[in-house]
Amino acid sequence: MPLLDVIDVGDEVVCDFCNTGFEDDSVEGGCFIGTYAVCPACTKDIKASDEEEIEYIRGSFRRAVLKKRDGDNTIKIWVE
């Protein structure tokens, strides 16, 4: 599958469910489901299942997402 584009998002953090942006570290909680970062507001609607492991965030949502990225602040777009 060829790579079409790579977009550097820098330190921008957005919930993968509702697209709300987080510009500071004041919002706490949320979770990761696979590679998805889910904000605290959307996390309250998540039901546990055997399909995907849910990793709950303690502390700042924004900081946790940036740490999980581990310096790879890019979105990669692939073509089939």
PDB file of N, CA and C in Angstrom:
ATOM      1  N   MET A   1       0.842  -1.173   0.000  1.00  0.00           N
ATOM      2  CA  MET A   1       0.000   0.000   0.000  1.00  0.00           C
ATOM      3  C   MET A   1       0.890   1.241   0.000  1.00  0.00           C
ATOM      4  N   PRO A   2       0.805   2.076  -1.010  1.00  0.00           N
ATOM      5  CA  PRO A   2       1.650   3.271  -1.065  1.00  0.00           C
ATOM      6  C   PRO A   2       1.168   4.370  -0.112  1.00  0.00           C
ATOM      7  N   LEU A   3       2.152   5.083   0.403  1.00  0.00           N
ATOM      8  CA  LEU A   3       1.888   6.214   1.291  1.00  0.00           C
ATOM      9  C   LEU A   3       1.563   7.435   0.440  1.00  0.00           C
ATOM     10  N   LEU A   4       0.402   8.037   0.671  1.00  0.00           N
ATOM     11  CA  LEU A   4      -0.039   9.192  -0.102  1.00  0.00           C
ATOM     12  C   LEU A   4       0.459  10.500   0.499  1.00  0.00           C
ATOM     13  N   ASP A   5       0.356  10.636   1.834  1.00  0.00           N
ATOM     14  CA  ASP A   5       0.715  11.901   2.472  1.00  0.00           C
ATOM     15  C   ASP A   5       1.027  11.678   3.944  1.00  0.00           C
ATOM     16  N   VAL A   6       1.839  12.565   4.497  1.00  0.00           N
ATOM     17  CA  VAL A   6       2.143  12.586   5.929  1.00  0.00           C
ATOM     18  C   VAL A   6       1.894  14.007   6.413  1.00  0.00           C
ATOM     19  N   ILE A   7       1.051  14.142   7.428  1.00  0.00           N
ATOM     20  CA  ILE A   7       0.704  15.454   7.967  1.00  0.00           C
ATOM     21  C   ILE A   7       1.249  15.555   9.383  1.00  0.00           C
ATOM     22  N   ASP A   8       2.104  16.543   9.630  1.00  0.00           N
ATOM     23  CA  ASP A   8       2.654  16.764  10.967  1.00  0.00           C
ATOM     24  C   ASP A   8       1.673  17.628  11.752  1.00  0.00           C
ATOM     25  N   VAL A   9       1.126  17.079  12.839  1.00  0.00           N
ATOM     26  CA  VAL A   9       0.146  17.819  13.643  1.00  0.00           C
ATOM     27  C   VAL A   9       0.784  18.499  14.849  1.00  0.00           C
ATOM     28  N   GLY A  10       2.088  18.348  15.013  1.00  0.00           N
ATOM     29  CA  GLY A  10       2.788  18.996  16.121  1.00  0.00           C
ATOM     30  C   GLY A  10       2.233  18.567  17.462  1.00  0.00           C
ATOM     31  N   ASP A  11       1.935  19.530  18.324  1.00  0.00           N
ATOM     32  CA  ASP A  11       1.423  19.232  19.662  1.00  0.00           C
ATOM     33  C   ASP A  11      -0.096  19.319  19.734  1.00  0.00           C
ATOM     34  N   GLU A  12      -0.764  19.323  18.593  1.00  0.00           N
ATOM     35  CA  GLU A  12      -2.227  19.373  18.585  1.00  0.00           C
ATOM     36  C   GLU A  12      -2.787  18.033  19.061  1.00  0.00           C
ATOM     37  N   VAL A  13      -3.750  18.087  19.981  1.00  0.00           N
ATOM     38  CA  VAL A  13      -4.396  16.881  20.491  1.00  0.00           C
ATOM     39  C   VAL A  13      -5.897  17.019  20.271  1.00  0.00           C
ATOM     40  N   VAL A  14      -6.484  16.009  19.621  1.00  0.00           N
ATOM     41  CA  VAL A  14      -7.906  16.003  19.293  1.00  0.00           C
ATOM     42  C   VAL A  14      -8.475  14.634  19.649  1.00  0.00           C
ATOM     43  N   CYS A  15      -9.673  14.612  20.223  1.00  0.00           N
ATOM     44  CA  CYS A  15     -10.357  13.351  20.503  1.00  0.00           C
ATOM     45  C   CYS A  15     -10.685  12.670  19.175  1.00  0.00           C
ATOM     46  N   ASP A  16     -10.375  11.386  19.075  1.00  0.00           N
ATOM     47  CA  ASP A  16     -10.643  10.649  17.839  1.00  0.00           C
ATOM     48  C   ASP A  16     -12.119  10.316  17.649  1.00  0.00           C
ATOM     49  N   PHE A  17     -12.946  10.538  18.665  1.00  0.00           N
ATOM     50  CA  PHE A  17     -14.377  10.262  18.543  1.00  0.00           C
ATOM     51  C   PHE A  17     -15.172  11.518  18.196  1.00  0.00           C
ATOM     52  N   CYS A  18     -14.937  12.634  18.912  1.00  0.00           N
ATOM     53  CA  CYS A  18     -15.766  13.836  18.723  1.00  0.00           C
ATOM     54  C   CYS A  18     -15.016  15.002  18.078  1.00  0.00           C
ATOM     55  N   ASN A  19     -13.705  14.847  17.868  1.00  0.00           N
ATOM     56  CA  ASN A  19     -12.856  15.871  17.244  1.00  0.00           C
ATOM     57  C   ASN A  19     -12.691  17.146  18.061  1.00  0.00           C
ATOM     58  N   THR A  20     -12.982  17.098  19.361  1.00  0.00           N
ATOM     59  CA  THR A  20     -12.735  18.244  20.232  1.00  0.00           C
ATOM     60  C   THR A  20     -11.233  18.405  20.412  1.00  0.00           C
ATOM     61  N   GLY A  21     -10.739  19.642  20.290  1.00  0.00           N
ATOM     62  CA  GLY A  21      -9.324  19.925  20.474  1.00  0.00           C
ATOM     63  C   GLY A  21      -8.997  20.248  21.923  1.00  0.00           C
ATOM     64  N   PHE A  22      -7.788  19.882  22.349  1.00  0.00           N
ATOM     65  CA  PHE A  22      -7.328  20.126  23.716  1.00  0.00           C
ATOM     66  C   PHE A  22      -6.011  20.884  23.646  1.00  0.00           C
ATOM     67  N   GLU A  23      -6.057  22.173  24.028  1.00  0.00           N
ATOM     68  CA  GLU A  23      -4.893  23.048  23.908  1.00  0.00           C
ATOM     69  C   GLU A  23      -4.113  23.199  25.200  1.00  0.00           C
ATOM     70  N   ASP A  24      -4.680  22.758  26.324  1.00  0.00           N
ATOM     71  CA  ASP A  24      -3.943  22.849  27.587  1.00  0.00           C
ATOM     72  C   ASP A  24      -4.091  21.536  28.350  1.00  0.00           C
ATOM     73  N   ASP A  25      -3.401  21.459  29.477  1.00  0.00           N
ATOM     74  CA  ASP A  25      -3.336  20.215  30.241  1.00  0.00           C
ATOM     75  C   ASP A  25      -4.378  20.118  31.345  1.00  0.00           C
ATOM     76  N   SER A  26      -5.381  21.002  31.359  1.00  0.00           N
ATOM     77  CA  SER A  26      -6.313  21.052  32.488  1.00  0.00           C
ATOM     78  C   SER A  26      -7.365  19.941  32.484  1.00  0.00           C
ATOM     79  N   VAL A  27      -7.655  19.349  31.328  1.00  0.00           N
ATOM     80  CA  VAL A  27      -8.681  18.305  31.255  1.00  0.00           C
ATOM     81  C   VAL A  27      -8.050  16.960  31.606  1.00  0.00           C
ATOM     82  N   GLU A  28      -8.652  16.276  32.573  1.00  0.00           N
ATOM     83  CA  GLU A  28      -8.101  14.999  33.030  1.00  0.00           C
ATOM     84  C   GLU A  28      -9.027  13.845  32.686  1.00  0.00           C
ATOM     85  N   GLY A  29      -8.421  12.677  32.490  1.00  0.00           N
ATOM     86  CA  GLY A  29      -9.180  11.464  32.206  1.00  0.00           C
ATOM     87  C   GLY A  29      -9.171  11.135  30.731  1.00  0.00           C
ATOM     88  N   GLY A  30     -10.101  10.271  30.344  1.00  0.00           N
ATOM     89  CA  GLY A  30     -10.165   9.785  28.978  1.00  0.00           C
ATOM     90  C   GLY A  30      -9.624   8.367  28.910  1.00  0.00           C
ATOM     91  N   CYS A  31      -9.424   7.879  27.698  1.00  0.00           N
ATOM     92  CA  CYS A  31      -8.888   6.528  27.545  1.00  0.00           C
ATOM     93  C   CYS A  31      -8.283   6.352  26.154  1.00  0.00           C
ATOM     94  N   PHE A  32      -7.575   5.244  26.010  1.00  0.00           N
ATOM     95  CA  PHE A  32      -7.085   4.793  24.711  1.00  0.00           C
ATOM     96  C   PHE A  32      -7.790   3.483  24.399  1.00  0.00           C
ATOM     97  N   ILE A  33      -8.280   3.370  23.178  1.00  0.00           N
ATOM     98  CA  ILE A  33      -8.845   2.116  22.691  1.00  0.00           C
ATOM     99  C   ILE A  33      -8.079   1.799  21.419  1.00  0.00           C
ATOM    100  N   GLY A  34      -7.175   0.848  21.504  1.00  0.00           N
ATOM    101  CA  GLY A  34      -6.283   0.596  20.376  1.00  0.00           C
ATOM    102  C   GLY A  34      -5.450   1.833  20.122  1.00  0.00           C
ATOM    103  N   THR A  35      -5.498   2.367  18.914  1.00  0.00           N
ATOM    104  CA  THR A  35      -4.740   3.578  18.586  1.00  0.00           C
ATOM    105  C   THR A  35      -5.578   4.844  18.728  1.00  0.00           C
ATOM    106  N   TYR A  36      -6.810   4.711  19.177  1.00  0.00           N
ATOM    107  CA  TYR A  36      -7.704   5.867  19.326  1.00  0.00           C
ATOM    108  C   TYR A  36      -7.547   6.525  20.691  1.00  0.00           C
ATOM    109  N   ALA A  37      -7.457   7.866  20.690  1.00  0.00           N
ATOM    110  CA  ALA A  37      -7.451   8.657  21.922  1.00  0.00           C
ATOM    111  C   ALA A  37      -8.866   9.192  22.116  1.00  0.00           C
ATOM    112  N   VAL A  38      -9.472   8.856  23.267  1.00  0.00           N
ATOM    113  CA  VAL A  38     -10.871   9.196  23.525  1.00  0.00           C
ATOM    114  C   VAL A  38     -10.938  10.139  24.720  1.00  0.00           C
ATOM    115  N   CYS A  39     -11.537  11.316  24.524  1.00  0.00           N
ATOM    116  CA  CYS A  39     -11.597  12.333  25.577  1.00  0.00           C
ATOM    117  C   CYS A  39     -12.492  11.879  26.736  1.00  0.00           C
ATOM    118  N   PRO A  40     -12.387  12.561  27.883  1.00  0.00           N
ATOM    119  CA  PRO A  40     -13.203  12.184  29.039  1.00  0.00           C
ATOM    120  C   PRO A  40     -14.709  12.204  28.756  1.00  0.00           C
ATOM    121  N   ALA A  41     -15.192  13.178  28.001  1.00  0.00           N
ATOM    122  CA  ALA A  41     -16.630  13.254  27.710  1.00  0.00           C
ATOM    123  C   ALA A  41     -17.104  12.031  26.926  1.00  0.00           C
ATOM    124  N   CYS A  42     -16.334  11.594  25.941  1.00  0.00           N
ATOM    125  CA  CYS A  42     -16.706  10.425  25.142  1.00  0.00           C
ATOM    126  C   CYS A  42     -16.469   9.126  25.903  1.00  0.00           C
ATOM    127  N   THR A  43     -15.492   9.117  26.806  1.00  0.00           N
ATOM    128  CA  THR A  43     -15.173   7.912  27.566  1.00  0.00           C
ATOM    129  C   THR A  43     -16.344   7.473  28.429  1.00  0.00           C
ATOM    130  N   LYS A  44     -17.123   8.426  28.938  1.00  0.00           N
ATOM    131  CA  LYS A  44     -18.243   8.046  29.805  1.00  0.00           C
ATOM    132  C   LYS A  44     -19.288   7.217  29.059  1.00  0.00           C
ATOM    133  N   ASP A  45     -19.297   7.264  27.726  1.00  0.00           N
ATOM    134  CA  ASP A  45     -20.243   6.485  26.928  1.00  0.00           C
ATOM    135  C   ASP A  45     -19.675   5.140  26.473  1.00  0.00           C
ATOM    136  N   ILE A  46     -18.422   4.851  26.821  1.00  0.00           N
ATOM    137  CA  ILE A  46     -17.760   3.616  26.394  1.00  0.00           C
ATOM    138  C   ILE A  46     -18.185   2.463  27.296  1.00  0.00           C
ATOM    139  N   LYS A  47     -18.543   1.350  26.685  1.00  0.00           N
ATOM    140  CA  LYS A  47     -18.885   0.134  27.421  1.00  0.00           C
ATOM    141  C   LYS A  47     -17.769  -0.880  27.191  1.00  0.00           C
ATOM    142  N   ALA A  48     -17.304  -1.492  28.263  1.00  0.00           N
ATOM    143  CA  ALA A  48     -16.239  -2.491  28.160  1.00  0.00           C
ATOM    144  C   ALA A  48     -16.729  -3.691  27.348  1.00  0.00           C
ATOM    145  N   SER A  49     -15.818  -4.263  26.564  1.00  0.00           N
ATOM    146  CA  SER A  49     -16.136  -5.464  25.791  1.00  0.00           C
ATOM    147  C   SER A  49     -14.878  -6.315  25.682  1.00  0.00           C
ATOM    148  N   ASP A  50     -15.052  -7.504  25.157  1.00  0.00           N
ATOM    149  CA  ASP A  50     -13.908  -8.398  24.963  1.00  0.00           C
ATOM    150  C   ASP A  50     -13.165  -8.089  23.663  1.00  0.00           C
ATOM    151  N   GLU A  51     -13.719  -7.222  22.826  1.00  0.00           N
ATOM    152  CA  GLU A  51     -13.136  -6.940  21.518  1.00  0.00           C
ATOM    153  C   GLU A  51     -11.885  -6.081  21.598  1.00  0.00           C
ATOM    154  N   GLU A  52     -11.941  -4.993  22.347  1.00  0.00           N
ATOM    155  CA  GLU A  52     -10.817  -4.055  22.435  1.00  0.00           C
ATOM    156  C   GLU A  52     -10.485  -3.774  23.891  1.00  0.00           C
ATOM    157  N   GLU A  53      -9.206  -3.743  24.197  1.00  0.00           N
ATOM    158  CA  GLU A  53      -8.773  -3.385  25.546  1.00  0.00           C
ATOM    159  C   GLU A  53      -8.875  -1.871  25.710  1.00  0.00           C
ATOM    160  N   ILE A  54      -9.392  -1.442  26.856  1.00  0.00           N
ATOM    161  CA  ILE A  54      -9.509  -0.019  27.164  1.00  0.00           C
ATOM    162  C   ILE A  54      -8.439   0.334  28.187  1.00  0.00           C
ATOM    163  N   GLU A  55      -7.610   1.311  27.857  1.00  0.00           N
ATOM    164  CA  GLU A  55      -6.570   1.802  28.769  1.00  0.00           C
ATOM    165  C   GLU A  55      -7.008   3.178  29.268  1.00  0.00           C
ATOM    166  N   TYR A  56      -7.420   3.235  30.537  1.00  0.00           N
ATOM    167  CA  TYR A  56      -7.914   4.497  31.089  1.00  0.00           C
ATOM    168  C   TYR A  56      -6.754   5.421  31.439  1.00  0.00           C
ATOM    169  N   ILE A  57      -6.963   6.713  31.234  1.00  0.00           N
ATOM    170  CA  ILE A  57      -5.941   7.732  31.481  1.00  0.00           C
ATOM    171  C   ILE A  57      -6.155   8.340  32.856  1.00  0.00           C
ATOM    172  N   ARG A  58      -5.098   8.399  33.633  1.00  0.00           N
ATOM    173  CA  ARG A  58      -5.101   9.116  34.904  1.00  0.00           C
ATOM    174  C   ARG A  58      -4.274  10.368  34.703  1.00  0.00           C
ATOM    175  N   GLY A  59      -4.840  11.509  35.006  1.00  0.00           N
ATOM    176  CA  GLY A  59      -4.129  12.764  34.808  1.00  0.00           C
ATOM    177  C   GLY A  59      -4.557  13.429  33.515  1.00  0.00           C
ATOM    178  N   SER A  60      -3.693  14.289  33.017  1.00  0.00           N
ATOM    179  CA  SER A  60      -3.995  15.129  31.858  1.00  0.00           C
ATOM    180  C   SER A  60      -4.192  14.304  30.577  1.00  0.00           C
ATOM    181  N   PHE A  61      -5.328  14.512  29.921  1.00  0.00           N
ATOM    182  CA  PHE A  61      -5.614  13.842  28.652  1.00  0.00           C
ATOM    183  C   PHE A  61      -4.579  14.230  27.599  1.00  0.00           C
ATOM    184  N   ARG A  62      -4.322  15.525  27.468  1.00  0.00           N
ATOM    185  CA  ARG A  62      -3.386  16.020  26.453  1.00  0.00           C
ATOM    186  C   ARG A  62      -1.986  15.448  26.660  1.00  0.00           C
ATOM    187  N   ARG A  63      -1.494  15.501  27.887  1.00  0.00           N
ATOM    188  CA  ARG A  63      -0.149  14.973  28.167  1.00  0.00           C
ATOM    189  C   ARG A  63      -0.059  13.485  27.868  1.00  0.00           C
ATOM    190  N   ALA A  64      -1.113  12.736  28.219  1.00  0.00           N
ATOM    191  CA  ALA A  64      -1.116  11.288  27.977  1.00  0.00           C
ATOM    192  C   ALA A  64      -1.062  10.977  26.484  1.00  0.00           C
ATOM    193  N   VAL A  65      -1.793  11.740  25.681  1.00  0.00           N
ATOM    194  CA  VAL A  65      -1.793  11.520  24.229  1.00  0.00           C
ATOM    195  C   VAL A  65      -0.414  11.831  23.646  1.00  0.00           C
ATOM    196  N   LEU A  66       0.172  12.948  24.051  1.00  0.00           N
ATOM    197  CA  LEU A  66       1.505  13.302  23.547  1.00  0.00           C
ATOM    198  C   LEU A  66       2.544  12.260  23.954  1.00  0.00           C
ATOM    199  N   LYS A  67       2.438  11.741  25.172  1.00  0.00           N
ATOM    200  CA  LYS A  67       3.371  10.706  25.633  1.00  0.00           C
ATOM    201  C   LYS A  67       3.183   9.425  24.824  1.00  0.00           C
ATOM    202  N   LYS A  68       1.940   9.059  24.556  1.00  0.00           N
ATOM    203  CA  LYS A  68       1.648   7.843  23.790  1.00  0.00           C
ATOM    204  C   LYS A  68       2.197   7.946  22.362  1.00  0.00           C
ATOM    205  N   ARG A  69       2.158   9.140  21.779  1.00  0.00           N
ATOM    206  CA  ARG A  69       2.705   9.348  20.428  1.00  0.00           C
ATOM    207  C   ARG A  69       4.212   9.135  20.396  1.00  0.00           C
ATOM    208  N   ASP A  70       4.860   9.379  21.495  1.00  0.00           N
ATOM    209  CA  ASP A  70       6.307   9.177  21.625  1.00  0.00           C
ATOM    210  C   ASP A  70       7.088   9.902  20.522  1.00  0.00           C
ATOM    211  N   GLY A  71       6.677  11.154  20.247  1.00  0.00           N
ATOM    212  CA  GLY A  71       7.402  11.961  19.267  1.00  0.00           C
ATOM    213  C   GLY A  71       6.917  11.827  17.836  1.00  0.00           C
ATOM    214  N   ASP A  72       6.076  10.821  17.550  1.00  0.00           N
ATOM    215  CA  ASP A  72       5.546  10.659  16.191  1.00  0.00           C
ATOM    216  C   ASP A  72       4.232  11.428  16.095  1.00  0.00           C
ATOM    217  N   ASN A  73       4.326  12.714  15.796  1.00  0.00           N
ATOM    218  CA  ASN A  73       3.153  13.590  15.746  1.00  0.00           C
ATOM    219  C   ASN A  73       2.619  13.723  14.327  1.00  0.00           C
ATOM    220  N   THR A  74       2.527  12.606  13.625  1.00  0.00           N
ATOM    221  CA  THR A  74       2.091  12.647  12.233  1.00  0.00           C
ATOM    222  C   THR A  74       0.848  11.794  12.008  1.00  0.00           C
ATOM    223  N   ILE A  75       0.103  12.189  10.991  1.00  0.00           N
ATOM    224  CA  ILE A  75      -1.005  11.384  10.484  1.00  0.00           C
ATOM    225  C   ILE A  75      -0.560  10.891   9.116  1.00  0.00           C
ATOM    226  N   LYS A  76      -0.607   9.585   8.914  1.00  0.00           N
ATOM    227  CA  LYS A  76      -0.183   8.996   7.644  1.00  0.00           C
ATOM    228  C   LYS A  76      -1.419   8.574   6.853  1.00  0.00           C
ATOM    229  N   ILE A  77      -1.459   8.957   5.588  1.00  0.00           N
ATOM    230  CA  ILE A  77      -2.580   8.620   4.715  1.00  0.00           C
ATOM    231  C   ILE A  77      -2.076   7.642   3.658  1.00  0.00           C
ATOM    232  N   TRP A  78      -2.683   6.456   3.645  1.00  0.00           N
ATOM    233  CA  TRP A  78      -2.286   5.393   2.731  1.00  0.00           C
ATOM    234  C   TRP A  78      -3.344   5.206   1.649  1.00  0.00           C
ATOM    235  N   VAL A  79      -2.927   4.726   0.485  1.00  0.00           N
ATOM    236  CA  VAL A  79      -3.834   4.456  -0.629  1.00  0.00           C
ATOM    237  C   VAL A  79      -3.828   2.958  -0.898  1.00  0.00           C
ATOM    238  N   GLU A  80      -5.004   2.413  -1.129  1.00  0.00           N
ATOM    239  CA  GLU A  80      -5.073   0.981  -1.457  1.00  0.00           C
ATOM    240  C   GLU A  80      -4.843   0.750  -2.919  1.00  0.00           C
TER     241      GLU A  80
END
